[in-house]
Amino acid sequence: MVLANILALSGSPRRGGNTDFMMDTFKKGAEEAGARVEVLRVADLDIKPCTHCDGCRETGECVIADDMGEIYEKLAKADGLILASPIYFGSVSAYIKAAIERFQIYWFINFGNEELRHLKAPGKRPAGFLAVGGMKNKKYCDSVRVTAEALFLNTRLTFSSFLCLQGYDEKGALEKDPEALQRAYREGRDFVSKNFQD
């Protein structure tokens, strides 16, 4: 029995890097706890940046025709959302940030236009954010967390999980640290057990 279907967006452009290992290990923990996790690599998708045209103000739909439409559709059916990103210059990657900014449609649905309240937004479902970076500077984790908080606030998702691992810069460095991978595994397992098990 599948307890939950979780959509996961991975924001690293580097295949087989630390973000991928972190996400894969989180996924393993979540799936062993009873969830099904679908991971989309955002860097492999065609996602254009938000142009702030406000086209979604009236309809609650983005006017840009690209692969973000697939994310909207999958999120509408998902029971939870996880995002993962490397830390670049103290923030999230440009790939995951582009996707985050296209969540603007949900701001209009939730807060910006009362006539759109009947449309389905992701609200109340559990969500989490995973980050991994090279420099050991707590401010960088704090910066990523602020981005996650803003996303979940504007979508009304429930901020349920946050894991930021630092000191892993070289490709594959995280894979060599069993303790860090265990933390990612536990985060995935706990995300499911806390939010979807009785």
Foldseek 3Di string as FASTA:
>chain_A
DALWEEEEEEEDPDPQFPQVLLVVLLQLLQVVLRHHYDYDHLNVWDFDADPPPCPLLVPLDDPDDTCLVVVVVVLLVGLEYEYEAEQDPLEGDPSVVRSLRVLVSLLSCPPNPVVNVVDDFNAAREYEYEYEYADPDVSSLVRHVVSVVVSCVSRNHHYDYYYYYYNGHDGCSCVPDVVSSVVSSVRSNCSCCVRRND
